[in-house]
Amino acid sequence: MSKSFIQAPKPAPISPEAIARFERGGTGQDTQTHIPSNVVRIEPTKEAAEPTRRLSLDLPESLHRRFKTACARHDKKMLREVMEFIQRRTTELENE
């Protein structure tokens, strides 16, 4: 039994003017108005106005699983919880 796949249509070419408009901060050609359900949106904060830096850390798998489970149980975002902890602890350290 063989399977065949239908080739997806090629997208229409984008004009150089549309590309330049997008690069200058204008709108692009995407007219999609809904956000897929698997996209996580973090509400803007005052920190969002400044440049960001990435922080990576390695956790034991069991601790990561516990943290993720606890956050999910209380309908909390892991990123938000980590940021709030860092802000709280930074203030504590600055006041010592």
PDB file of N, CA and C in Angstrom:
ATOM      1  N   MET A   1       0.848  -1.165   0.000  1.00  0.00           N
ATOM      2  CA  MET A   1       0.000   0.000   0.000  1.00  0.00           C
ATOM      3  C   MET A   1       0.901   1.237   0.000  1.00  0.00           C
ATOM      4  N   SER A   2       0.713   2.100  -0.953  1.00  0.00           N
ATOM      5  CA  SER A   2       1.531   3.306  -1.023  1.00  0.00           C
ATOM      6  C   SER A   2       0.696   4.506  -0.616  1.00  0.00           C
ATOM      7  N   LYS A   3       1.376   5.453  -0.068  1.00  0.00           N
ATOM      8  CA  LYS A   3       0.717   6.692   0.338  1.00  0.00           C
ATOM      9  C   LYS A   3       1.217   7.811  -0.557  1.00  0.00           C
ATOM     10  N   SER A   4       0.376   8.715  -0.882  1.00  0.00           N
ATOM     11  CA  SER A   4       0.804   9.875  -1.654  1.00  0.00           C
ATOM     12  C   SER A   4       0.445  11.131  -0.873  1.00  0.00           C
ATOM     13  N   PHE A   5       1.275  12.110  -1.048  1.00  0.00           N
ATOM     14  CA  PHE A   5       1.068  13.380  -0.374  1.00  0.00           C
ATOM     15  C   PHE A   5       0.805  14.448  -1.415  1.00  0.00           C
ATOM     16  N   ILE A   6      -0.122  15.296  -1.129  1.00  0.00           N
ATOM     17  CA  ILE A   6      -0.411  16.406  -2.029  1.00  0.00           C
ATOM     18  C   ILE A   6       0.572  17.517  -1.706  1.00  0.00           C
ATOM     19  N   GLN A   7       1.185  18.054  -2.740  1.00  0.00           N
ATOM     20  CA  GLN A   7       2.151  19.127  -2.530  1.00  0.00           C
ATOM     21  C   GLN A   7       1.406  20.405  -2.160  1.00  0.00           C
ATOM     22  N   ALA A   8       1.889  21.063  -1.124  1.00  0.00           N
ATOM     23  CA  ALA A   8       1.274  22.314  -0.687  1.00  0.00           C
ATOM     24  C   ALA A   8       1.529  23.391  -1.733  1.00  0.00           C
ATOM     25  N   PRO A   9       0.570  24.280  -1.919  1.00  0.00           N
ATOM     26  CA  PRO A   9       0.783  25.347  -2.890  1.00  0.00           C
ATOM     27  C   PRO A   9       1.873  26.296  -2.421  1.00  0.00           C
ATOM     28  N   LYS A  10       2.612  26.827  -3.377  1.00  0.00           N
ATOM     29  CA  LYS A  10       3.656  27.787  -3.039  1.00  0.00           C
ATOM     30  C   LYS A  10       2.997  29.111  -2.675  1.00  0.00           C
ATOM     31  N   PRO A  11       3.542  29.796  -1.666  1.00  0.00           N
ATOM     32  CA  PRO A  11       2.968  31.088  -1.296  1.00  0.00           C
ATOM     33  C   PRO A  11       3.236  32.121  -2.390  1.00  0.00           C
ATOM     34  N   ALA A  12       2.379  33.114  -2.436  1.00  0.00           N
ATOM     35  CA  ALA A  12       2.571  34.189  -3.405  1.00  0.00           C
ATOM     36  C   ALA A  12       3.852  34.942  -3.073  1.00  0.00           C
ATOM     37  N   PRO A  13       4.565  35.407  -4.077  1.00  0.00           N
ATOM     38  CA  PRO A  13       5.799  36.155  -3.799  1.00  0.00           C
ATOM     39  C   PRO A  13       5.488  37.452  -3.056  1.00  0.00           C
ATOM     40  N   ILE A  14       6.421  37.873  -2.223  1.00  0.00           N
ATOM     41  CA  ILE A  14       6.264  39.100  -1.446  1.00  0.00           C
ATOM     42  C   ILE A  14       7.021  40.207  -2.156  1.00  0.00           C
ATOM     43  N   SER A  15       6.359  41.317  -2.311  1.00  0.00           N
ATOM     44  CA  SER A  15       6.988  42.431  -3.028  1.00  0.00           C
ATOM     45  C   SER A  15       8.075  43.069  -2.176  1.00  0.00           C
ATOM     46  N   PRO A  16       9.095  43.649  -2.815  1.00  0.00           N
ATOM     47  CA  PRO A  16      10.141  44.345  -2.056  1.00  0.00           C
ATOM     48  C   PRO A  16       9.577  45.486  -1.206  1.00  0.00           C
ATOM     49  N   GLU A  17       8.514  46.125  -1.680  1.00  0.00           N
ATOM     50  CA  GLU A  17       7.902  47.216  -0.909  1.00  0.00           C
ATOM     51  C   GLU A  17       7.285  46.686   0.389  1.00  0.00           C
ATOM     52  N   ALA A  18       6.652  45.515   0.301  1.00  0.00           N
ATOM     53  CA  ALA A  18       6.050  44.921   1.500  1.00  0.00           C
ATOM     54  C   ALA A  18       7.132  44.529   2.499  1.00  0.00           C
ATOM     55  N   ILE A  19       8.244  44.027   2.002  1.00  0.00           N
ATOM     56  CA  ILE A  19       9.350  43.655   2.890  1.00  0.00           C
ATOM     57  C   ILE A  19       9.910  44.901   3.559  1.00  0.00           C
ATOM     58  N   ALA A  20      10.135  45.962   2.793  1.00  0.00           N
ATOM     59  CA  ALA A  20      10.669  47.202   3.356  1.00  0.00           C
ATOM     60  C   ALA A  20       9.705  47.791   4.380  1.00  0.00           C
ATOM     61  N   ARG A  21       8.398  47.738   4.104  1.00  0.00           N
ATOM     62  CA  ARG A  21       7.390  48.255   5.029  1.00  0.00           C
ATOM     63  C   ARG A  21       7.440  47.484   6.349  1.00  0.00           C
ATOM     64  N   PHE A  22       7.578  46.164   6.261  1.00  0.00           N
ATOM     65  CA  PHE A  22       7.659  45.340   7.466  1.00  0.00           C
ATOM     66  C   PHE A  22       8.930  45.655   8.249  1.00  0.00           C
ATOM     67  N   GLU A  23      10.054  45.824   7.557  1.00  0.00           N
ATOM     68  CA  GLU A  23      11.325  46.124   8.231  1.00  0.00           C
ATOM     69  C   GLU A  23      11.293  47.468   8.940  1.00  0.00           C
ATOM     70  N   ARG A  24      10.492  48.387   8.453  1.00  0.00           N
ATOM     71  CA  ARG A  24      10.366  49.697   9.103  1.00  0.00           C
ATOM     72  C   ARG A  24       9.351  49.666  10.238  1.00  0.00           C
ATOM     73  N   GLY A  25       8.841  48.498  10.561  1.00  0.00           N
ATOM     74  CA  GLY A  25       7.923  48.368  11.693  1.00  0.00           C
ATOM     75  C   GLY A  25       6.470  48.383  11.312  1.00  0.00           C
ATOM     76  N   GLY A  26       6.190  48.348  10.044  1.00  0.00           N
ATOM     77  CA  GLY A  26       4.796  48.325   9.601  1.00  0.00           C
ATOM     78  C   GLY A  26       4.221  46.929   9.729  1.00  0.00           C
ATOM     79  N   THR A  27       3.018  46.771   9.268  1.00  0.00           N
ATOM     80  CA  THR A  27       2.376  45.474   9.356  1.00  0.00           C
ATOM     81  C   THR A  27       2.883  44.556   8.263  1.00  0.00           C
ATOM     82  N   GLY A  28       2.884  43.314   8.533  1.00  0.00           N
ATOM     83  CA  GLY A  28       3.279  42.319   7.548  1.00  0.00           C
ATOM     84  C   GLY A  28       2.065  41.846   6.774  1.00  0.00           C
ATOM     85  N   GLN A  29       2.197  40.722   6.109  1.00  0.00           N
ATOM     86  CA  GLN A  29       1.100  40.200   5.310  1.00  0.00           C
ATOM     87  C   GLN A  29       0.234  39.206   6.062  1.00  0.00           C
ATOM     88  N   ASP A  30       0.626  38.860   7.265  1.00  0.00           N
ATOM     89  CA  ASP A  30      -0.134  37.884   8.031  1.00  0.00           C
ATOM     90  C   ASP A  30      -1.440  38.509   8.493  1.00  0.00           C
ATOM     91  N   THR A  31      -2.530  37.899   8.108  1.00  0.00           N
ATOM     92  CA  THR A  31      -3.840  38.406   8.517  1.00  0.00           C
ATOM     93  C   THR A  31      -4.476  37.528   9.583  1.00  0.00           C
ATOM     94  N   GLN A  32      -3.691  36.600  10.133  1.00  0.00           N
ATOM     95  CA  GLN A  32      -4.208  35.690  11.156  1.00  0.00           C
ATOM     96  C   GLN A  32      -4.552  36.495  12.401  1.00  0.00           C
ATOM     97  N   THR A  33      -5.771  36.379  12.870  1.00  0.00           N
ATOM     98  CA  THR A  33      -6.200  37.163  14.027  1.00  0.00           C
ATOM     99  C   THR A  33      -6.311  36.328  15.295  1.00  0.00           C
ATOM    100  N   HIS A  34      -6.250  35.016  15.178  1.00  0.00           N
ATOM    101  CA  HIS A  34      -6.350  34.191  16.381  1.00  0.00           C
ATOM    102  C   HIS A  34      -4.961  33.739  16.803  1.00  0.00           C
ATOM    103  N   ILE A  35      -4.848  33.378  18.054  1.00  0.00           N
ATOM    104  CA  ILE A  35      -3.594  32.874  18.599  1.00  0.00           C
ATOM    105  C   ILE A  35      -3.800  31.401  18.885  1.00  0.00           C
ATOM    106  N   PRO A  36      -2.942  30.536  18.324  1.00  0.00           N
ATOM    107  CA  PRO A  36      -3.102  29.109  18.590  1.00  0.00           C
ATOM    108  C   PRO A  36      -3.079  28.825  20.091  1.00  0.00           C
ATOM    109  N   SER A  37      -3.795  27.791  20.496  1.00  0.00           N
ATOM    110  CA  SER A  37      -3.918  27.493  21.921  1.00  0.00           C
ATOM    111  C   SER A  37      -2.619  27.026  22.552  1.00  0.00           C
ATOM    112  N   ASN A  38      -1.636  26.590  21.744  1.00  0.00           N
ATOM    113  CA  ASN A  38      -0.384  26.117  22.329  1.00  0.00           C
ATOM    114  C   ASN A  38       0.639  27.232  22.509  1.00  0.00           C
ATOM    115  N   VAL A  39       0.294  28.472  22.187  1.00  0.00           N
ATOM    116  CA  VAL A  39       1.200  29.599  22.355  1.00  0.00           C
ATOM    117  C   VAL A  39       1.003  30.174  23.744  1.00  0.00           C
ATOM    118  N   VAL A  40       2.095  30.298  24.494  1.00  0.00           N
ATOM    119  CA  VAL A  40       2.024  30.847  25.842  1.00  0.00           C
ATOM    120  C   VAL A  40       2.253  32.350  25.756  1.00  0.00           C
ATOM    121  N   ARG A  41       1.320  33.125  26.260  1.00  0.00           N
ATOM    122  CA  ARG A  41       1.445  34.574  26.256  1.00  0.00           C
ATOM    123  C   ARG A  41       1.694  35.033  27.680  1.00  0.00           C
ATOM    124  N   ILE A  42       2.752  35.795  27.866  1.00  0.00           N
ATOM    125  CA  ILE A  42       3.051  36.386  29.164  1.00  0.00           C
ATOM    126  C   ILE A  42       2.624  37.847  29.092  1.00  0.00           C
ATOM    127  N   GLU A  43       1.806  38.282  30.039  1.00  0.00           N
ATOM    128  CA  GLU A  43       1.334  39.651  30.012  1.00  0.00           C
ATOM    129  C   GLU A  43       2.518  40.610  30.163  1.00  0.00           C
ATOM    130  N   PRO A  44       2.492  41.740  29.441  1.00  0.00           N
ATOM    131  CA  PRO A  44       3.611  42.676  29.502  1.00  0.00           C
ATOM    132  C   PRO A  44       3.790  43.242  30.904  1.00  0.00           C
ATOM    133  N   THR A  45       5.021  43.469  31.253  1.00  0.00           N
ATOM    134  CA  THR A  45       5.337  44.085  32.534  1.00  0.00           C
ATOM    135  C   THR A  45       6.225  45.282  32.264  1.00  0.00           C
ATOM    136  N   LYS A  46       6.505  46.049  33.293  1.00  0.00           N
ATOM    137  CA  LYS A  46       7.363  47.212  33.089  1.00  0.00           C
ATOM    138  C   LYS A  46       8.767  46.786  32.659  1.00  0.00           C
ATOM    139  N   GLU A  47       9.170  45.543  33.008  1.00  0.00           N
ATOM    140  CA  GLU A  47      10.476  45.050  32.602  1.00  0.00           C
ATOM    141  C   GLU A  47      10.542  44.803  31.099  1.00  0.00           C
ATOM    142  N   ALA A  48       9.385  44.586  30.460  1.00  0.00           N
ATOM    143  CA  ALA A  48       9.359  44.286  29.036  1.00  0.00           C
ATOM    144  C   ALA A  48       9.853  45.468  28.211  1.00  0.00           C
ATOM    145  N   ALA A  49       9.833  46.681  28.762  1.00  0.00           N
ATOM    146  CA  ALA A  49      10.265  47.858  28.032  1.00  0.00           C
ATOM    147  C   ALA A  49      11.778  47.922  27.908  1.00  0.00           C
ATOM    148  N   GLU A  50      12.502  47.201  28.723  1.00  0.00           N
ATOM    149  CA  GLU A  50      13.960  47.246  28.667  1.00  0.00           C
ATOM    150  C   GLU A  50      14.500  45.982  28.012  1.00  0.00           C
ATOM    151  N   PRO A  51      15.741  46.031  27.528  1.00  0.00           N
ATOM    152  CA  PRO A  51      16.326  44.831  26.912  1.00  0.00           C
ATOM    153  C   PRO A  51      16.374  43.686  27.918  1.00  0.00           C
ATOM    154  N   THR A  52      16.333  42.483  27.411  1.00  0.00           N
ATOM    155  CA  THR A  52      16.333  41.311  28.287  1.00  0.00           C
ATOM    156  C   THR A  52      17.620  40.523  28.129  1.00  0.00           C
ATOM    157  N   ARG A  53      17.900  39.677  29.082  1.00  0.00           N
ATOM    158  CA  ARG A  53      19.018  38.749  29.067  1.00  0.00           C
ATOM    159  C   ARG A  53      18.474  37.371  29.377  1.00  0.00           C
ATOM    160  N   ARG A  54      19.066  36.356  28.779  1.00  0.00           N
ATOM    161  CA  ARG A  54      18.620  34.984  28.984  1.00  0.00           C
ATOM    162  C   ARG A  54      19.361  34.386  30.176  1.00  0.00           C
ATOM    163  N   LEU A  55      18.619  33.647  30.992  1.00  0.00           N
ATOM    164  CA  LEU A  55      19.181  32.936  32.134  1.00  0.00           C
ATOM    165  C   LEU A  55      18.848  31.466  31.953  1.00  0.00           C
ATOM    166  N   SER A  56      19.856  30.643  31.860  1.00  0.00           N
ATOM    167  CA  SER A  56      19.639  29.203  31.720  1.00  0.00           C
ATOM    168  C   SER A  56      20.140  28.521  32.976  1.00  0.00           C
ATOM    169  N   LEU A  57      19.407  27.527  33.413  1.00  0.00           N
ATOM    170  CA  LEU A  57      19.871  26.763  34.553  1.00  0.00           C
ATOM    171  C   LEU A  57      19.478  25.313  34.376  1.00  0.00           C
ATOM    172  N   ASP A  58      20.304  24.446  34.895  1.00  0.00           N
ATOM    173  CA  ASP A  58      20.050  23.011  34.847  1.00  0.00           C
ATOM    174  C   ASP A  58      19.506  22.578  36.196  1.00  0.00           C
ATOM    175  N   LEU A  59      18.351  21.938  36.146  1.00  0.00           N
ATOM    176  CA  LEU A  59      17.718  21.420  37.356  1.00  0.00           C
ATOM    177  C   LEU A  59      17.686  19.908  37.293  1.00  0.00           C
ATOM    178  N   PRO A  60      17.737  19.262  38.438  1.00  0.00           N
ATOM    179  CA  PRO A  60      17.491  17.820  38.422  1.00  0.00           C
ATOM    180  C   PRO A  60      16.092  17.578  37.860  1.00  0.00           C
ATOM    181  N   GLU A  61      15.958  16.519  37.088  1.00  0.00           N
ATOM    182  CA  GLU A  61      14.680  16.231  36.427  1.00  0.00           C
ATOM    183  C   GLU A  61      13.523  16.152  37.414  1.00  0.00           C
ATOM    184  N   SER A  62      13.775  15.548  38.577  1.00  0.00           N
ATOM    185  CA  SER A  62      12.694  15.399  39.559  1.00  0.00           C
ATOM    186  C   SER A  62      12.240  16.755  40.103  1.00  0.00           C
ATOM    187  N   LEU A  63      13.173  17.673  40.326  1.00  0.00           N
ATOM    188  CA  LEU A  63      12.805  19.003  40.824  1.00  0.00           C
ATOM    189  C   LEU A  63      12.044  19.773  39.750  1.00  0.00           C
ATOM    190  N   HIS A  64      12.486  19.682  38.504  1.00  0.00           N
ATOM    191  CA  HIS A  64      11.782  20.338  37.405  1.00  0.00           C
ATOM    192  C   HIS A  64      10.345  19.823  37.307  1.00  0.00           C
ATOM    193  N   ARG A  65      10.181  18.510  37.400  1.00  0.00           N
ATOM    194  CA  ARG A  65       8.852  17.907  37.322  1.00  0.00           C
ATOM    195  C   ARG A  65       7.974  18.378  38.476  1.00  0.00           C
ATOM    196  N   ARG A  66       8.533  18.422  39.690  1.00  0.00           N
ATOM    197  CA  ARG A  66       7.766  18.887  40.854  1.00  0.00           C
ATOM    198  C   ARG A  66       7.333  20.331  40.690  1.00  0.00           C
ATOM    199  N   PHE A  67       8.265  21.184  40.235  1.00  0.00           N
ATOM    200  CA  PHE A  67       7.963  22.605  40.045  1.00  0.00           C
ATOM    201  C   PHE A  67       6.891  22.787  38.979  1.00  0.00           C
ATOM    202  N   LYS A  68       7.049  22.076  37.872  1.00  0.00           N
ATOM    203  CA  LYS A  68       6.077  22.182  36.782  1.00  0.00           C
ATOM    204  C   LYS A  68       4.700  21.706  37.233  1.00  0.00           C
ATOM    205  N   THR A  69       4.660  20.613  37.967  1.00  0.00           N
ATOM    206  CA  THR A  69       3.399  20.069  38.467  1.00  0.00           C
ATOM    207  C   THR A  69       2.743  21.026  39.455  1.00  0.00           C
ATOM    208  N   ALA A  70       3.546  21.572  40.361  1.00  0.00           N
ATOM    209  CA  ALA A  70       2.996  22.505  41.357  1.00  0.00           C
ATOM    210  C   ALA A  70       2.445  23.761  40.685  1.00  0.00           C
ATOM    211  N   CYS A  71       3.168  24.276  39.693  1.00  0.00           N
ATOM    212  CA  CYS A  71       2.690  25.467  38.982  1.00  0.00           C
ATOM    213  C   CYS A  71       1.399  25.157  38.235  1.00  0.00           C
ATOM    214  N   ALA A  72       1.347  24.022  37.575  1.00  0.00           N
ATOM    215  CA  ALA A  72       0.148  23.645  36.824  1.00  0.00           C
ATOM    216  C   ALA A  72      -1.039  23.458  37.765  1.00  0.00           C
ATOM    217  N   ARG A  73      -0.795  22.859  38.915  1.00  0.00           N
ATOM    218  CA  ARG A  73      -1.871  22.618  39.880  1.00  0.00           C
ATOM    219  C   ARG A  73      -2.510  23.925  40.338  1.00  0.00           C
ATOM    220  N   HIS A  74      -1.711  24.991  40.420  1.00  0.00           N
ATOM    221  CA  HIS A  74      -2.216  26.284  40.881  1.00  0.00           C
ATOM    222  C   HIS A  74      -2.427  27.258  39.728  1.00  0.00           C
ATOM    223  N   ASP A  75      -2.396  26.728  38.499  1.00  0.00           N
ATOM    224  CA  ASP A  75      -2.620  27.538  37.297  1.00  0.00           C
ATOM    225  C   ASP A  75      -1.665  28.729  37.231  1.00  0.00           C
ATOM    226  N   LYS A  76      -0.395  28.470  37.485  1.00  0.00           N
ATOM    227  CA  LYS A  76       0.650  29.495  37.460  1.00  0.00           C
ATOM    228  C   LYS A  76       1.627  29.176  36.343  1.00  0.00           C
ATOM    229  N   LYS A  77       2.218  30.200  35.766  1.00  0.00           N
ATOM    230  CA  LYS A  77       3.246  30.029  34.748  1.00  0.00           C
ATOM    231  C   LYS A  77       4.598  29.901  35.446  1.00  0.00           C
ATOM    232  N   MET A  78       5.393  28.937  35.002  1.00  0.00           N
ATOM    233  CA  MET A  78       6.699  28.718  35.610  1.00  0.00           C
ATOM    234  C   MET A  78       7.573  29.968  35.494  1.00  0.00           C
ATOM    235  N   LEU A  79       7.581  30.602  34.337  1.00  0.00           N
ATOM    236  CA  LEU A  79       8.393  31.796  34.126  1.00  0.00           C
ATOM    237  C   LEU A  79       8.010  32.892  35.107  1.00  0.00           C
ATOM    238  N   ARG A  80       6.726  33.124  35.258  1.00  0.00           N
ATOM    239  CA  ARG A  80       6.260  34.175  36.166  1.00  0.00           C
ATOM    240  C   ARG A  80       6.698  33.877  37.598  1.00  0.00           C
ATOM    241  N   GLU A  81       6.590  32.621  38.021  1.00  0.00           N
ATOM    242  CA  GLU A  81       6.989  32.253  39.377  1.00  0.00           C
ATOM    243  C   GLU A  81       8.480  32.466  39.598  1.00  0.00           C
ATOM    244  N   VAL A  82       9.297  32.088  38.620  1.00  0.00           N
ATOM    245  CA  VAL A  82      10.750  32.270  38.744  1.00  0.00           C
ATOM    246  C   VAL A  82      11.091  33.757  38.786  1.00  0.00           C
ATOM    247  N   MET A  83      10.454  34.554  37.918  1.00  0.00           N
ATOM    248  CA  MET A  83      10.725  35.990  37.912  1.00  0.00           C
ATOM    249  C   MET A  83      10.331  36.638  39.230  1.00  0.00           C
ATOM    250  N   GLU A  84       9.178  36.254  39.774  1.00  0.00           N
ATOM    251  CA  GLU A  84       8.749  36.826  41.052  1.00  0.00           C
ATOM    252  C   GLU A  84       9.706  36.441  42.172  1.00  0.00           C
ATOM    253  N   PHE A  85      10.200  35.190  42.154  1.00  0.00           N
ATOM    254  CA  PHE A  85      11.161  34.777  43.169  1.00  0.00           C
ATOM    255  C   PHE A  85      12.444  35.595  43.054  1.00  0.00           C
ATOM    256  N   ILE A  86      12.945  35.764  41.839  1.00  0.00           N
ATOM    257  CA  ILE A  86      14.191  36.511  41.642  1.00  0.00           C
ATOM    258  C   ILE A  86      14.014  37.962  42.087  1.00  0.00           C
ATOM    259  N   GLN A  87      12.888  38.566  41.750  1.00  0.00           N
ATOM    260  CA  GLN A  87      12.646  39.951  42.180  1.00  0.00           C
ATOM    261  C   GLN A  87      12.591  40.047  43.700  1.00  0.00           C
ATOM    262  N   ARG A  88      11.865  39.131  44.330  1.00  0.00           N
ATOM    263  CA  ARG A  88      11.738  39.138  45.794  1.00  0.00           C
ATOM    264  C   ARG A  88      13.087  38.919  46.472  1.00  0.00           C
ATOM    265  N   ARG A  89      13.834  37.928  45.987  1.00  0.00           N
ATOM    266  CA  ARG A  89      15.128  37.616  46.612  1.00  0.00           C
ATOM    267  C   ARG A  89      16.150  38.714  46.357  1.00  0.00           C
ATOM    268  N   THR A  90      16.099  39.344  45.175  1.00  0.00           N
ATOM    269  CA  THR A  90      17.020  40.449  44.880  1.00  0.00           C
ATOM    270  C   THR A  90      16.781  41.596  45.840  1.00  0.00           C
ATOM    271  N   THR A  91      15.536  41.909  46.113  1.00  0.00           N
ATOM    272  CA  THR A  91      15.207  42.973  47.064  1.00  0.00           C
ATOM    273  C   THR A  91      15.723  42.615  48.455  1.00  0.00           C
ATOM    274  N   GLU A  92      15.551  41.364  48.868  1.00  0.00           N
ATOM    275  CA  GLU A  92      16.068  40.924  50.170  1.00  0.00           C
ATOM    276  C   GLU A  92      17.576  41.110  50.246  1.00  0.00           C
ATOM    277  N   LEU A  93      18.279  40.689  49.205  1.00  0.00           N
ATOM    278  CA  LEU A  93      19.738  40.790  49.198  1.00  0.00           C
ATOM    279  C   LEU A  93      20.196  42.250  49.185  1.00  0.00           C
ATOM    280  N   GLU A  94      19.484  43.086  48.462  1.00  0.00           N
ATOM    281  CA  GLU A  94      19.853  44.507  48.424  1.00  0.00           C
ATOM    282  C   GLU A  94      19.651  45.178  49.772  1.00  0.00           C
ATOM    283  N   ASN A  95      18.691  44.703  50.556  1.00  0.00           N
ATOM    284  CA  ASN A  95      18.392  45.307  51.857  1.00  0.00           C
ATOM    285  C   ASN A  95      19.277  44.764  52.980  1.00  0.00           C
ATOM    286  N   GLU A  96      20.092  43.769  52.706  1.00  0.00           N
ATOM    287  CA  GLU A  96      20.963  43.225  53.763  1.00  0.00           C
ATOM    288  C   GLU A  96      22.124  44.150  54.035  1.00  0.00           C
TER     289      GLU A  96
END
